[in-house]
Amino acid sequence: MKGTLNFYDDDTHVRIYSVSELKSLVENECVIVKSGMRRNVAFLIAMPIKIILSALQGKKPEGPVFWDLMGFAEYVFARKK
């Protein structure tokens, strides 16, 4: 899908790291504050409007429109010790 952060779009990407791998990479120097699946309620509520507006403009919805619904984005918040 256009507008996503597809692993294959950039040949400098070597691999995809899971949240648990990222947490273990930084836990020696950082305190993990929070991690999980990104869910932005405002984006979820606005999604039907964004889809309709895209359709009226003759475009396909792209990128962040679906991230929160499909569980595309995960995060790790860490604080340096």
PDB file of N, CA and C in Angstrom:
ATOM      1  N   MET A   1       0.839  -1.171   0.000  1.00  0.00           N
ATOM      2  CA  MET A   1       0.000   0.000   0.000  1.00  0.00           C
ATOM      3  C   MET A   1       0.890   1.243   0.000  1.00  0.00           C
ATOM      4  N   LYS A   2       0.616   2.146  -0.895  1.00  0.00           N
ATOM      5  CA  LYS A   2       1.369   3.395  -0.950  1.00  0.00           C
ATOM      6  C   LYS A   2       1.208   4.149   0.373  1.00  0.00           C
ATOM      7  N   GLY A   3       2.298   4.740   0.851  1.00  0.00           N
ATOM      8  CA  GLY A   3       2.240   5.523   2.072  1.00  0.00           C
ATOM      9  C   GLY A   3       2.545   4.729   3.325  1.00  0.00           C
ATOM     10  N   THR A   4       2.775   3.439   3.189  1.00  0.00           N
ATOM     11  CA  THR A   4       3.156   2.649   4.358  1.00  0.00           C
ATOM     12  C   THR A   4       4.667   2.633   4.479  1.00  0.00           C
ATOM     13  N   LEU A   5       5.140   2.162   5.576  1.00  0.00           N
ATOM     14  CA  LEU A   5       6.584   2.050   5.784  1.00  0.00           C
ATOM     15  C   LEU A   5       7.003   0.620   5.478  1.00  0.00           C
ATOM     16  N   ASN A   6       6.754   0.202   4.253  1.00  0.00           N
ATOM     17  CA  ASN A   6       7.007  -1.169   3.855  1.00  0.00           C
ATOM     18  C   ASN A   6       8.489  -1.486   3.918  1.00  0.00           C
ATOM     19  N   PHE A   7       8.816  -2.582   4.541  1.00  0.00           N
ATOM     20  CA  PHE A   7      10.188  -3.047   4.695  1.00  0.00           C
ATOM     21  C   PHE A   7      10.896  -3.145   3.341  1.00  0.00           C
ATOM     22  N   TYR A   8      10.181  -3.539   2.328  1.00  0.00           N
ATOM     23  CA  TYR A   8      10.779  -3.777   1.010  1.00  0.00           C
ATOM     24  C   TYR A   8      10.927  -2.513   0.168  1.00  0.00           C
ATOM     25  N   ASP A   9      10.385  -1.390   0.612  1.00  0.00           N
ATOM     26  CA  ASP A   9      10.483  -0.141  -0.147  1.00  0.00           C
ATOM     27  C   ASP A   9      11.877   0.467  -0.099  1.00  0.00           C
ATOM     28  N   ASP A  10      12.669   0.094   0.879  1.00  0.00           N
ATOM     29  CA  ASP A  10      13.978   0.702   1.094  1.00  0.00           C
ATOM     30  C   ASP A  10      15.026  -0.400   1.200  1.00  0.00           C
ATOM     31  N   ASP A  11      15.932  -0.445   0.232  1.00  0.00           N
ATOM     32  CA  ASP A  11      16.914  -1.541   0.212  1.00  0.00           C
ATOM     33  C   ASP A  11      17.986  -1.415   1.294  1.00  0.00           C
ATOM     34  N   THR A  12      17.969  -0.320   2.075  1.00  0.00           N
ATOM     35  CA  THR A  12      18.919  -0.220   3.189  1.00  0.00           C
ATOM     36  C   THR A  12      18.416  -0.979   4.416  1.00  0.00           C
ATOM     37  N   HIS A  13      17.143  -1.363   4.416  1.00  0.00           N
ATOM     38  CA  HIS A  13      16.597  -2.142   5.521  1.00  0.00           C
ATOM     39  C   HIS A  13      17.110  -3.571   5.422  1.00  0.00           C
ATOM     40  N   VAL A  14      17.705  -4.036   6.479  1.00  0.00           N
ATOM     41  CA  VAL A  14      18.279  -5.376   6.491  1.00  0.00           C
ATOM     42  C   VAL A  14      17.276  -6.388   7.041  1.00  0.00           C
ATOM     43  N   ARG A  15      16.551  -6.011   8.073  1.00  0.00           N
ATOM     44  CA  ARG A  15      15.556  -6.904   8.664  1.00  0.00           C
ATOM     45  C   ARG A  15      14.569  -6.112   9.501  1.00  0.00           C
ATOM     46  N   ILE A  16      13.503  -6.765   9.900  1.00  0.00           N
ATOM     47  CA  ILE A  16      12.501  -6.159  10.769  1.00  0.00           C
ATOM     48  C   ILE A  16      12.723  -6.680  12.173  1.00  0.00           C
ATOM     49  N   TYR A  17      12.755  -5.788  13.143  1.00  0.00           N
ATOM     50  CA  TYR A  17      12.932  -6.162  14.546  1.00  0.00           C
ATOM     51  C   TYR A  17      11.582  -6.176  15.245  1.00  0.00           C
ATOM     52  N   SER A  18      11.344  -7.175  16.058  1.00  0.00           N
ATOM     53  CA  SER A  18      10.121  -7.221  16.850  1.00  0.00           C
ATOM     54  C   SER A  18      10.270  -6.298  18.055  1.00  0.00           C
ATOM     55  N   VAL A  19       9.140  -5.986  18.676  1.00  0.00           N
ATOM     56  CA  VAL A  19       9.168  -5.137  19.869  1.00  0.00           C
ATOM     57  C   VAL A  19      10.010  -5.790  20.962  1.00  0.00           C
ATOM     58  N   SER A  20       9.872  -7.098  21.147  1.00  0.00           N
ATOM     59  CA  SER A  20      10.646  -7.772  22.200  1.00  0.00           C
ATOM     60  C   SER A  20      12.144  -7.716  21.909  1.00  0.00           C
ATOM     61  N   GLU A  21      12.544  -7.816  20.633  1.00  0.00           N
ATOM     62  CA  GLU A  21      13.965  -7.693  20.286  1.00  0.00           C
ATOM     63  C   GLU A  21      14.477  -6.285  20.561  1.00  0.00           C
ATOM     64  N   LEU A  22      13.698  -5.276  20.198  1.00  0.00           N
ATOM     65  CA  LEU A  22      14.108  -3.895  20.449  1.00  0.00           C
ATOM     66  C   LEU A  22      14.244  -3.625  21.941  1.00  0.00           C
ATOM     67  N   LYS A  23      13.286  -4.141  22.713  1.00  0.00           N
ATOM     68  CA  LYS A  23      13.353  -3.951  24.163  1.00  0.00           C
ATOM     69  C   LYS A  23      14.609  -4.578  24.739  1.00  0.00           C
ATOM     70  N   SER A  24      14.945  -5.775  24.296  1.00  0.00           N
ATOM     71  CA  SER A  24      16.138  -6.431  24.840  1.00  0.00           C
ATOM     72  C   SER A  24      17.424  -5.734  24.380  1.00  0.00           C
ATOM     73  N   LEU A  25      17.407  -5.089  23.219  1.00  0.00           N
ATOM     74  CA  LEU A  25      18.587  -4.365  22.739  1.00  0.00           C
ATOM     75  C   LEU A  25      18.893  -3.130  23.583  1.00  0.00           C
ATOM     76  N   VAL A  26      17.864  -2.469  24.096  1.00  0.00           N
ATOM     77  CA  VAL A  26      18.076  -1.204  24.818  1.00  0.00           C
ATOM     78  C   VAL A  26      17.976  -1.318  26.330  1.00  0.00           C
ATOM     79  N   GLU A  27      17.538  -2.471  26.854  1.00  0.00           N
ATOM     80  CA  GLU A  27      17.254  -2.550  28.287  1.00  0.00           C
ATOM     81  C   GLU A  27      18.478  -2.421  29.183  1.00  0.00           C
ATOM     82  N   ASN A  28      19.689  -2.635  28.675  1.00  0.00           N
ATOM     83  CA  ASN A  28      20.886  -2.455  29.497  1.00  0.00           C
ATOM     84  C   ASN A  28      21.181  -0.979  29.770  1.00  0.00           C
ATOM     85  N   GLU A  29      20.804  -0.123  28.827  1.00  0.00           N
ATOM     86  CA  GLU A  29      21.092   1.299  28.969  1.00  0.00           C
ATOM     87  C   GLU A  29      19.846   2.143  29.209  1.00  0.00           C
ATOM     88  N   CYS A  30      18.687   1.530  29.084  1.00  0.00           N
ATOM     89  CA  CYS A  30      17.443   2.283  29.200  1.00  0.00           C
ATOM     90  C   CYS A  30      16.423   1.535  30.059  1.00  0.00           C
ATOM     91  N   VAL A  31      15.468   2.303  30.560  1.00  0.00           N
ATOM     92  CA  VAL A  31      14.316   1.738  31.253  1.00  0.00           C
ATOM     93  C   VAL A  31      13.154   1.779  30.259  1.00  0.00           C
ATOM     94  N   ILE A  32      12.528   0.638  30.030  1.00  0.00           N
ATOM     95  CA  ILE A  32      11.384   0.597  29.133  1.00  0.00           C
ATOM     96  C   ILE A  32      10.194   1.213  29.862  1.00  0.00           C
ATOM     97  N   VAL A  33       9.685   2.301  29.316  1.00  0.00           N
ATOM     98  CA  VAL A  33       8.570   3.014  29.928  1.00  0.00           C
ATOM     99  C   VAL A  33       7.250   2.380  29.499  1.00  0.00           C
ATOM    100  N   LYS A  34       7.136   2.099  28.216  1.00  0.00           N
ATOM    101  CA  LYS A  34       5.893   1.559  27.684  1.00  0.00           C
ATOM    102  C   LYS A  34       6.171   0.979  26.304  1.00  0.00           C
ATOM    103  N   SER A  35       5.439  -0.048  25.931  1.00  0.00           N
ATOM    104  CA  SER A  35       5.556  -0.607  24.585  1.00  0.00           C
ATOM    105  C   SER A  35       4.248  -1.270  24.211  1.00  0.00           C
ATOM    106  N   GLY A  36       4.036  -1.439  22.932  1.00  0.00           N
ATOM    107  CA  GLY A  36       2.824  -2.123  22.496  1.00  0.00           C
ATOM    108  C   GLY A  36       2.384  -1.710  21.115  1.00  0.00           C
ATOM    109  N   MET A  37       1.124  -1.991  20.826  1.00  0.00           N
ATOM    110  CA  MET A  37       0.521  -1.673  19.534  1.00  0.00           C
ATOM    111  C   MET A  37       0.013  -0.239  19.561  1.00  0.00           C
ATOM    112  N   ARG A  38       0.287   0.503  18.498  1.00  0.00           N
ATOM    113  CA  ARG A  38      -0.205   1.873  18.411  1.00  0.00           C
ATOM    114  C   ARG A  38      -1.701   1.845  18.128  1.00  0.00           C
ATOM    115  N   ARG A  39      -2.447   2.555  18.936  1.00  0.00           N
ATOM    116  CA  ARG A  39      -3.888   2.709  18.740  1.00  0.00           C
ATOM    117  C   ARG A  39      -4.254   4.153  19.057  1.00  0.00           C
ATOM    118  N   ASN A  40      -4.520   4.949  18.030  1.00  0.00           N
ATOM    119  CA  ASN A  40      -4.897   6.344  18.203  1.00  0.00           C
ATOM    120  C   ASN A  40      -6.404   6.445  17.982  1.00  0.00           C
ATOM    121  N   VAL A  41      -7.144   6.690  19.044  1.00  0.00           N
ATOM    122  CA  VAL A  41      -8.607   6.710  18.982  1.00  0.00           C
ATOM    123  C   VAL A  41      -9.104   7.766  17.995  1.00  0.00           C
ATOM    124  N   ALA A  42      -8.461   8.927  17.961  1.00  0.00           N
ATOM    125  CA  ALA A  42      -8.886   9.988  17.031  1.00  0.00           C
ATOM    126  C   ALA A  42      -8.759   9.522  15.589  1.00  0.00           C
ATOM    127  N   PHE A  43      -7.683   8.819  15.246  1.00  0.00           N
ATOM    128  CA  PHE A  43      -7.520   8.292  13.887  1.00  0.00           C
ATOM    129  C   PHE A  43      -8.599   7.263  13.578  1.00  0.00           C
ATOM    130  N   LEU A  44      -8.914   6.403  14.555  1.00  0.00           N
ATOM    131  CA  LEU A  44      -9.940   5.380  14.340  1.00  0.00           C
ATOM    132  C   LEU A  44     -11.310   6.001  14.107  1.00  0.00           C
ATOM    133  N   ILE A  45     -11.628   7.045  14.869  1.00  0.00           N
ATOM    134  CA  ILE A  45     -12.917   7.720  14.708  1.00  0.00           C
ATOM    135  C   ILE A  45     -12.985   8.447  13.366  1.00  0.00           C
ATOM    136  N   ALA A  46     -11.875   9.046  12.949  1.00  0.00           N
ATOM    137  CA  ALA A  46     -11.848   9.827  11.703  1.00  0.00           C
ATOM    138  C   ALA A  46     -11.725   8.961  10.449  1.00  0.00           C
ATOM    139  N   MET A  47     -11.436   7.677  10.609  1.00  0.00           N
ATOM    140  CA  MET A  47     -11.195   6.820   9.449  1.00  0.00           C
ATOM    141  C   MET A  47     -12.336   6.817   8.426  1.00  0.00           C
ATOM    142  N   PRO A  48     -13.598   6.665   8.830  1.00  0.00           N
ATOM    143  CA  PRO A  48     -14.664   6.678   7.815  1.00  0.00           C
ATOM    144  C   PRO A  48     -14.698   7.978   7.010  1.00  0.00           C
ATOM    145  N   ILE A  49     -14.449   9.097   7.673  1.00  0.00           N
ATOM    146  CA  ILE A  49     -14.434  10.395   6.988  1.00  0.00           C
ATOM    147  C   ILE A  49     -13.283  10.450   5.999  1.00  0.00           C
ATOM    148  N   LYS A  50     -12.104   9.992   6.414  1.00  0.00           N
ATOM    149  CA  LYS A  50     -10.941  10.011   5.520  1.00  0.00           C
ATOM    150  C   LYS A  50     -11.159   9.112   4.310  1.00  0.00           C
ATOM    151  N   ILE A  51     -11.802   7.963   4.499  1.00  0.00           N
ATOM    152  CA  ILE A  51     -12.072   7.049   3.390  1.00  0.00           C
ATOM    153  C   ILE A  51     -13.050   7.677   2.406  1.00  0.00           C
ATOM    154  N   ILE A  52     -14.104   8.300   2.922  1.00  0.00           N
ATOM    155  CA  ILE A  52     -15.086   8.950   2.047  1.00  0.00           C
ATOM    156  C   ILE A  52     -14.451  10.108   1.284  1.00  0.00           C
ATOM    157  N   LEU A  53     -13.668  10.941   1.977  1.00  0.00           N
ATOM    158  CA  LEU A  53     -13.005  12.062   1.296  1.00  0.00           C
ATOM    159  C   LEU A  53     -12.048  11.575   0.219  1.00  0.00           C
ATOM    160  N   SER A  54     -11.318  10.527   0.495  1.00  0.00           N
ATOM    161  CA  SER A  54     -10.406   9.961  -0.510  1.00  0.00           C
ATOM    162  C   SER A  54     -11.185   9.478  -1.723  1.00  0.00           C
ATOM    163  N   ALA A  55     -12.312   8.793  -1.488  1.00  0.00           N
ATOM    164  CA  ALA A  55     -13.134   8.286  -2.591  1.00  0.00           C
ATOM    165  C   ALA A  55     -13.690   9.429  -3.430  1.00  0.00           C
ATOM    166  N   LEU A  56     -14.145  10.505  -2.776  1.00  0.00           N
ATOM    167  CA  LEU A  56     -14.677  11.661  -3.502  1.00  0.00           C
ATOM    168  C   LEU A  56     -13.610  12.349  -4.348  1.00  0.00           C
ATOM    169  N   GLN A  57     -12.352  12.263  -3.890  1.00  0.00           N
ATOM    170  CA  GLN A  57     -11.239  12.866  -4.632  1.00  0.00           C
ATOM    171  C   GLN A  57     -10.659  11.909  -5.666  1.00  0.00           C
ATOM    172  N   GLY A  58     -11.220  10.709  -5.754  1.00  0.00           N
ATOM    173  CA  GLY A  58     -10.740   9.722  -6.716  1.00  0.00           C
ATOM    174  C   GLY A  58      -9.414   9.093  -6.317  1.00  0.00           C
ATOM    175  N   LYS A  59      -9.111   9.105  -5.031  1.00  0.00           N
ATOM    176  CA  LYS A  59      -7.862   8.544  -4.534  1.00  0.00           C
ATOM    177  C   LYS A  59      -8.154   7.297  -3.704  1.00  0.00           C
ATOM    178  N   LYS A  60      -7.126   6.493  -3.522  1.00  0.00           N
ATOM    179  CA  LYS A  60      -7.211   5.371  -2.597  1.00  0.00           C
ATOM    180  C   LYS A  60      -6.694   5.837  -1.246  1.00  0.00           C
ATOM    181  N   PRO A  61      -7.350   5.419  -0.162  1.00  0.00           N
ATOM    182  CA  PRO A  61      -6.816   5.761   1.168  1.00  0.00           C
ATOM    183  C   PRO A  61      -5.431   5.151   1.323  1.00  0.00           C
ATOM    184  N   GLU A  62      -4.519   5.866   1.950  1.00  0.00           N
ATOM    185  CA  GLU A  62      -3.168   5.337   2.081  1.00  0.00           C
ATOM    186  C   GLU A  62      -2.586   5.615   3.457  1.00  0.00           C
ATOM    187  N   GLY A  63      -1.522   4.890   3.758  1.00  0.00           N
ATOM    188  CA  GLY A  63      -0.712   5.105   4.950  1.00  0.00           C
ATOM    189  C   GLY A  63      -1.447   5.043   6.268  1.00  0.00           C
ATOM    190  N   PRO A  64      -1.290   6.094   7.082  1.00  0.00           N
ATOM    191  CA  PRO A  64      -1.772   6.087   8.460  1.00  0.00           C
ATOM    192  C   PRO A  64      -3.270   5.882   8.625  1.00  0.00           C
ATOM    193  N   VAL A  65      -4.035   6.009   7.543  1.00  0.00           N
ATOM    194  CA  VAL A  65      -5.481   5.812   7.645  1.00  0.00           C
ATOM    195  C   VAL A  65      -5.789   4.443   8.245  1.00  0.00           C
ATOM    196  N   PHE A  66      -5.012   3.427   7.885  1.00  0.00           N
ATOM    197  CA  PHE A  66      -5.297   2.067   8.332  1.00  0.00           C
ATOM    198  C   PHE A  66      -4.359   1.551   9.423  1.00  0.00           C
ATOM    199  N   TRP A  67      -3.305   2.268   9.759  1.00  0.00           N
ATOM    200  CA  TRP A  67      -2.305   1.756  10.699  1.00  0.00           C
ATOM    201  C   TRP A  67      -2.907   1.344  12.033  1.00  0.00           C
ATOM    202  N   ASP A  68      -3.743   2.196  12.599  1.00  0.00           N
ATOM    203  CA  ASP A  68      -4.292   1.918  13.922  1.00  0.00           C
ATOM    204  C   ASP A  68      -5.324   0.790  13.884  1.00  0.00           C
ATOM    205  N   LEU A  69      -6.054   0.672  12.795  1.00  0.00           N
ATOM    206  CA  LEU A  69      -7.047  -0.389  12.674  1.00  0.00           C
ATOM    207  C   LEU A  69      -6.390  -1.752  12.469  1.00  0.00           C
ATOM    208  N   MET A  70      -5.383  -1.801  11.620  1.00  0.00           N
ATOM    209  CA  MET A  70      -4.766  -3.066  11.239  1.00  0.00           C
ATOM    210  C   MET A  70      -3.626  -3.495  12.155  1.00  0.00           C
ATOM    211  N   GLY A  71      -3.238  -2.664  13.096  1.00  0.00           N
ATOM    212  CA  GLY A  71      -2.146  -3.036  13.990  1.00  0.00           C
ATOM    213  C   GLY A  71      -0.800  -2.997  13.306  1.00  0.00           C
ATOM    214  N   PHE A  72      -0.640  -2.066  12.387  1.00  0.00           N
ATOM    215  CA  PHE A  72       0.580  -1.968  11.587  1.00  0.00           C
ATOM    216  C   PHE A  72       1.758  -1.432  12.397  1.00  0.00           C
ATOM    217  N   ALA A  73       1.481  -0.522  13.316  1.00  0.00           N
ATOM    218  CA  ALA A  73       2.562   0.179  14.010  1.00  0.00           C
ATOM    219  C   ALA A  73       2.646  -0.226  15.480  1.00  0.00           C
ATOM    220  N   GLU A  74       3.825  -0.615  15.891  1.00  0.00           N
ATOM    221  CA  GLU A  74       4.111  -0.901  17.295  1.00  0.00           C
ATOM    222  C   GLU A  74       5.150   0.118  17.765  1.00  0.00           C
ATOM    223  N   TYR A  75       5.297   0.254  19.069  1.00  0.00           N
ATOM    224  CA  TYR A  75       6.224   1.264  19.593  1.00  0.00           C
ATOM    225  C   TYR A  75       6.925   0.764  20.834  1.00  0.00           C
ATOM    226  N   VAL A  76       8.054   1.400  21.124  1.00  0.00           N
ATOM    227  CA  VAL A  76       8.780   1.200  22.375  1.00  0.00           C
ATOM    228  C   VAL A  76       9.195   2.572  22.855  1.00  0.00           C
ATOM    229  N   PHE A  77       8.741   2.966  24.049  1.00  0.00           N
ATOM    230  CA  PHE A  77       9.209   4.191  24.692  1.00  0.00           C
ATOM    231  C   PHE A  77      10.212   3.788  25.744  1.00  0.00           C
ATOM    232  N   ALA A  78      11.411   4.350  25.668  1.00  0.00           N
ATOM    233  CA  ALA A  78      12.459   4.022  26.637  1.00  0.00           C
ATOM    234  C   ALA A  78      13.095   5.306  27.146  1.00  0.00           C
ATOM    235  N   ARG A  79      13.541   5.267  28.381  1.00  0.00           N
ATOM    236  CA  ARG A  79      14.217   6.408  29.000  1.00  0.00           C
ATOM    237  C   ARG A  79      15.609   5.967  29.394  1.00  0.00           C
ATOM    238  N   LYS A  80      16.597   6.772  29.058  1.00  0.00           N
ATOM    239  CA  LYS A  80      17.982   6.449  29.391  1.00  0.00           C
ATOM    240  C   LYS A  80      18.161   6.409  30.913  1.00  0.00           C
ATOM    241  N   LYS A  81      18.884   5.406  31.405  1.00  0.00           N
ATOM    242  CA  LYS A  81      19.108   5.249  32.857  1.00  0.00           C
ATOM    243  C   LYS A  81      20.009   6.334  33.392  1.00  0.00           C
TER     244      LYS A  81
END
